[in-house]
N, C-alpha and C. Protein backbone atom coordinates (compact mmCIF):
# COMPACT_ATOMS: atom_id res chain seq x y z
N MET A 1 -32.05 29.76 -100.92
CA MET A 1 -30.69 29.28 -100.78
C MET A 1 -29.97 30.09 -99.70
N MET A 2 -29.27 29.40 -98.85
CA MET A 2 -28.56 30.02 -97.75
C MET A 2 -27.28 30.70 -98.25
N ASP A 3 -27.02 31.92 -97.78
CA ASP A 3 -25.81 32.64 -98.12
C ASP A 3 -24.72 32.25 -97.12
N VAL A 4 -23.65 31.59 -97.60
CA VAL A 4 -22.60 31.08 -96.72
C VAL A 4 -21.26 31.69 -97.11
N GLU A 5 -20.55 32.24 -96.13
CA GLU A 5 -19.23 32.82 -96.36
C GLU A 5 -18.17 31.75 -96.22
N LEU A 6 -17.29 31.65 -97.22
CA LEU A 6 -16.14 30.75 -97.17
C LEU A 6 -15.02 31.46 -96.42
N ILE A 7 -14.53 30.83 -95.36
CA ILE A 7 -13.45 31.41 -94.55
C ILE A 7 -12.27 30.44 -94.53
N GLU A 8 -11.12 30.92 -94.11
CA GLU A 8 -9.94 30.07 -93.94
C GLU A 8 -10.12 29.23 -92.68
N LYS A 9 -9.65 27.99 -92.71
CA LYS A 9 -9.83 27.09 -91.55
C LYS A 9 -9.19 27.64 -90.29
N GLU A 10 -8.14 28.44 -90.44
CA GLU A 10 -7.48 29.04 -89.28
C GLU A 10 -8.36 30.07 -88.57
N GLU A 11 -9.38 30.57 -89.26
CA GLU A 11 -10.28 31.58 -88.70
C GLU A 11 -11.38 30.98 -87.82
N VAL A 12 -11.55 29.68 -87.87
CA VAL A 12 -12.64 29.02 -87.14
C VAL A 12 -12.65 29.40 -85.67
N VAL A 13 -11.47 29.50 -85.07
CA VAL A 13 -11.38 29.79 -83.64
C VAL A 13 -11.90 31.18 -83.27
N ASN A 14 -12.11 32.04 -84.25
CA ASN A 14 -12.59 33.39 -84.01
C ASN A 14 -14.12 33.49 -83.92
N PHE A 15 -14.81 32.38 -84.10
CA PHE A 15 -16.27 32.39 -84.11
C PHE A 15 -16.85 31.60 -82.94
N LYS A 16 -18.03 32.02 -82.50
CA LYS A 16 -18.77 31.28 -81.49
C LYS A 16 -19.77 30.38 -82.23
N PHE A 17 -19.76 29.10 -81.90
CA PHE A 17 -20.65 28.15 -82.56
C PHE A 17 -22.05 28.22 -81.97
N LEU A 18 -23.04 28.11 -82.85
CA LEU A 18 -24.44 28.03 -82.44
C LEU A 18 -25.03 26.75 -83.01
N GLU A 19 -26.13 26.32 -82.43
CA GLU A 19 -26.82 25.14 -82.96
C GLU A 19 -27.41 25.48 -84.31
N ALA A 20 -27.19 24.60 -85.28
CA ALA A 20 -27.70 24.82 -86.63
C ALA A 20 -29.21 24.64 -86.66
N PRO A 21 -29.92 25.46 -87.43
CA PRO A 21 -31.36 25.28 -87.58
C PRO A 21 -31.65 23.90 -88.16
N LYS A 22 -32.52 23.15 -87.52
CA LYS A 22 -32.79 21.76 -87.92
C LYS A 22 -33.19 21.62 -89.39
N GLU A 23 -33.94 22.60 -89.91
CA GLU A 23 -34.39 22.52 -91.30
C GLU A 23 -33.24 22.71 -92.30
N ASP A 24 -32.09 23.21 -91.83
CA ASP A 24 -30.94 23.44 -92.71
C ASP A 24 -29.91 22.31 -92.65
N VAL A 25 -30.03 21.41 -91.69
CA VAL A 25 -29.01 20.37 -91.46
C VAL A 25 -29.10 19.26 -92.50
N HIS A 26 -27.93 18.98 -93.13
CA HIS A 26 -27.84 17.93 -94.15
C HIS A 26 -26.66 17.00 -93.85
N VAL A 27 -26.44 16.71 -92.57
CA VAL A 27 -25.31 15.88 -92.16
C VAL A 27 -25.84 14.62 -91.49
N GLN A 28 -25.39 13.48 -92.01
CA GLN A 28 -25.72 12.20 -91.38
C GLN A 28 -24.42 11.55 -90.93
N LYS A 29 -24.56 10.60 -90.04
CA LYS A 29 -23.40 9.90 -89.46
C LYS A 29 -22.49 9.34 -90.56
N ASP A 30 -23.06 8.75 -91.61
CA ASP A 30 -22.23 8.16 -92.65
C ASP A 30 -21.43 9.22 -93.41
N LYS A 31 -21.98 10.42 -93.57
CA LYS A 31 -21.23 11.50 -94.21
C LYS A 31 -20.02 11.89 -93.36
N LEU A 32 -20.21 11.93 -92.05
CA LEU A 32 -19.11 12.26 -91.14
C LEU A 32 -18.00 11.22 -91.23
N LEU A 33 -18.40 9.96 -91.17
CA LEU A 33 -17.41 8.88 -91.20
C LEU A 33 -16.68 8.82 -92.54
N ASN A 34 -17.40 9.08 -93.63
CA ASN A 34 -16.75 9.11 -94.95
C ASN A 34 -15.75 10.26 -95.04
N ALA A 35 -16.08 11.41 -94.46
CA ALA A 35 -15.17 12.55 -94.48
C ALA A 35 -13.89 12.23 -93.70
N VAL A 36 -14.02 11.54 -92.58
CA VAL A 36 -12.84 11.12 -91.80
C VAL A 36 -12.00 10.15 -92.62
N ARG A 37 -12.63 9.18 -93.24
CA ARG A 37 -11.90 8.20 -94.04
C ARG A 37 -11.18 8.88 -95.21
N LEU A 38 -11.86 9.78 -95.89
CA LEU A 38 -11.22 10.50 -96.99
C LEU A 38 -10.01 11.29 -96.51
N GLY A 39 -10.13 11.91 -95.35
CA GLY A 39 -9.02 12.69 -94.81
C GLY A 39 -7.85 11.84 -94.38
N ASN A 40 -8.13 10.76 -93.68
CA ASN A 40 -7.06 9.93 -93.13
C ASN A 40 -6.41 9.02 -94.17
N GLU A 41 -7.20 8.43 -95.05
CA GLU A 41 -6.65 7.47 -96.00
C GLU A 41 -6.20 8.10 -97.30
N PHE A 42 -6.91 9.14 -97.74
CA PHE A 42 -6.64 9.70 -99.05
C PHE A 42 -6.16 11.16 -99.01
N LYS A 43 -6.08 11.73 -97.80
CA LYS A 43 -5.65 13.12 -97.62
C LYS A 43 -6.53 14.09 -98.42
N SER A 44 -7.78 13.70 -98.61
CA SER A 44 -8.74 14.55 -99.33
C SER A 44 -9.39 15.53 -98.37
N LYS A 45 -9.77 16.67 -98.91
CA LYS A 45 -10.42 17.70 -98.10
C LYS A 45 -11.92 17.68 -98.33
N ALA A 46 -12.63 18.25 -97.36
CA ALA A 46 -14.09 18.36 -97.44
C ALA A 46 -14.47 19.82 -97.18
N TYR A 47 -15.62 20.21 -97.69
CA TYR A 47 -16.20 21.51 -97.35
C TYR A 47 -17.14 21.29 -96.18
N ILE A 48 -16.90 22.01 -95.09
CA ILE A 48 -17.71 21.88 -93.89
C ILE A 48 -18.45 23.19 -93.67
N THR A 49 -19.77 23.12 -93.60
CA THR A 49 -20.58 24.31 -93.34
C THR A 49 -21.14 24.20 -91.94
N PHE A 50 -21.02 25.28 -91.17
CA PHE A 50 -21.46 25.25 -89.77
C PHE A 50 -22.06 26.61 -89.38
N GLN A 51 -22.86 26.60 -88.33
CA GLN A 51 -23.55 27.79 -87.86
C GLN A 51 -22.74 28.51 -86.80
N THR A 52 -22.61 29.84 -86.96
CA THR A 52 -21.91 30.66 -85.96
C THR A 52 -22.80 31.81 -85.55
N ASP A 53 -22.32 32.57 -84.58
CA ASP A 53 -23.06 33.75 -84.14
C ASP A 53 -23.05 34.85 -85.20
N GLN A 54 -22.24 34.68 -86.24
CA GLN A 54 -22.19 35.64 -87.35
C GLN A 54 -22.74 35.04 -88.64
N GLY A 55 -23.59 34.03 -88.49
CA GLY A 55 -24.19 33.37 -89.64
C GLY A 55 -23.43 32.12 -90.03
N PRO A 56 -23.92 31.42 -91.05
CA PRO A 56 -23.26 30.20 -91.49
C PRO A 56 -21.91 30.49 -92.15
N LYS A 57 -20.94 29.64 -91.87
CA LYS A 57 -19.59 29.76 -92.44
C LYS A 57 -19.21 28.42 -93.04
N LYS A 58 -18.27 28.46 -94.01
CA LYS A 58 -17.81 27.25 -94.68
C LYS A 58 -16.29 27.27 -94.73
N ILE A 59 -15.69 26.10 -94.50
CA ILE A 59 -14.24 25.96 -94.62
C ILE A 59 -13.94 24.75 -95.50
N GLU A 60 -12.76 24.74 -96.09
CA GLU A 60 -12.27 23.57 -96.81
C GLU A 60 -11.10 23.03 -96.00
N THR A 61 -11.20 21.80 -95.54
CA THR A 61 -10.17 21.23 -94.68
C THR A 61 -10.25 19.72 -94.66
N THR A 62 -9.25 19.11 -94.06
CA THR A 62 -9.24 17.67 -93.83
C THR A 62 -9.90 17.39 -92.48
N VAL A 63 -10.81 16.43 -92.45
CA VAL A 63 -11.45 16.02 -91.20
C VAL A 63 -10.56 14.94 -90.58
N TRP A 64 -10.10 15.21 -89.36
CA TRP A 64 -9.20 14.26 -88.70
C TRP A 64 -9.93 13.20 -87.92
N SER A 65 -10.99 13.59 -87.21
CA SER A 65 -11.74 12.61 -86.43
C SER A 65 -13.11 13.15 -86.08
N VAL A 66 -13.97 12.22 -85.65
CA VAL A 66 -15.31 12.57 -85.19
C VAL A 66 -15.54 11.83 -83.88
N THR A 67 -15.98 12.59 -82.87
CA THR A 67 -16.34 11.99 -81.58
C THR A 67 -17.85 12.04 -81.45
N GLU A 68 -18.33 11.73 -80.28
CA GLU A 68 -19.78 11.74 -80.04
C GLU A 68 -20.37 13.14 -80.20
N LYS A 69 -19.57 14.17 -79.90
CA LYS A 69 -20.10 15.54 -79.93
C LYS A 69 -19.34 16.52 -80.83
N TYR A 70 -18.17 16.10 -81.34
CA TYR A 70 -17.34 17.05 -82.09
C TYR A 70 -16.74 16.44 -83.34
N LEU A 71 -16.45 17.33 -84.31
CA LEU A 71 -15.69 17.01 -85.49
C LEU A 71 -14.35 17.73 -85.31
N GLN A 72 -13.24 17.01 -85.46
CA GLN A 72 -11.93 17.61 -85.22
C GLN A 72 -11.20 17.83 -86.54
N ILE A 73 -10.61 19.05 -86.66
CA ILE A 73 -9.81 19.38 -87.82
C ILE A 73 -8.39 19.69 -87.35
N LYS A 74 -7.58 20.22 -88.23
CA LYS A 74 -6.16 20.50 -87.94
C LYS A 74 -5.98 21.38 -86.71
N ASN A 75 -4.84 21.19 -86.05
CA ASN A 75 -4.44 21.97 -84.87
C ASN A 75 -5.37 21.78 -83.67
N GLY A 76 -6.03 20.64 -83.59
CA GLY A 76 -6.88 20.35 -82.44
C GLY A 76 -8.15 21.17 -82.38
N VAL A 77 -8.53 21.82 -83.47
CA VAL A 77 -9.76 22.63 -83.49
C VAL A 77 -10.96 21.68 -83.61
N SER A 78 -11.94 21.89 -82.75
CA SER A 78 -13.14 21.06 -82.74
C SER A 78 -14.37 21.90 -83.05
N ILE A 79 -15.24 21.34 -83.89
CA ILE A 79 -16.50 21.99 -84.25
C ILE A 79 -17.61 21.11 -83.69
N PRO A 80 -18.52 21.68 -82.89
CA PRO A 80 -19.61 20.88 -82.33
C PRO A 80 -20.49 20.30 -83.44
N LEU A 81 -20.84 19.03 -83.31
CA LEU A 81 -21.70 18.40 -84.31
C LEU A 81 -23.04 19.11 -84.42
N LYS A 82 -23.53 19.66 -83.31
CA LYS A 82 -24.83 20.34 -83.33
C LYS A 82 -24.78 21.62 -84.16
N SER A 83 -23.59 22.11 -84.49
CA SER A 83 -23.43 23.31 -85.31
C SER A 83 -23.31 23.01 -86.80
N LEU A 84 -23.09 21.75 -87.15
CA LEU A 84 -22.87 21.37 -88.55
C LEU A 84 -24.15 21.51 -89.37
N ILE A 85 -23.98 22.09 -90.54
CA ILE A 85 -25.08 22.21 -91.49
C ILE A 85 -24.90 21.22 -92.62
N ASP A 86 -23.67 21.12 -93.14
CA ASP A 86 -23.44 20.21 -94.27
C ASP A 86 -21.96 19.88 -94.37
N ILE A 87 -21.68 18.74 -94.99
CA ILE A 87 -20.31 18.33 -95.36
C ILE A 87 -20.39 17.86 -96.81
N GLN A 88 -19.51 18.41 -97.62
CA GLN A 88 -19.44 18.01 -99.03
C GLN A 88 -18.02 17.60 -99.36
N TYR A 89 -17.89 16.53 -100.14
CA TYR A 89 -16.57 16.07 -100.56
C TYR A 89 -16.63 15.54 -101.96
């Protein structure tokens, strides 16, 4: 089991994103789209786990949008899709 530190969403900007190890990735396109829908329509939050230069980190936040390469959260912060490990809601 991977050891993941839960951080505040405001701290995301303090980390450098790395590509997530393929064997650890549990994110599919439908999970991303469902997280956006939950955030926009129901104001529900999701747990987002992503890979950084300091190991995997997790935040609880609302997903605002998903583009071809990024997941966007509050304050215009973008997380590269290639860094995502998991999304839970």
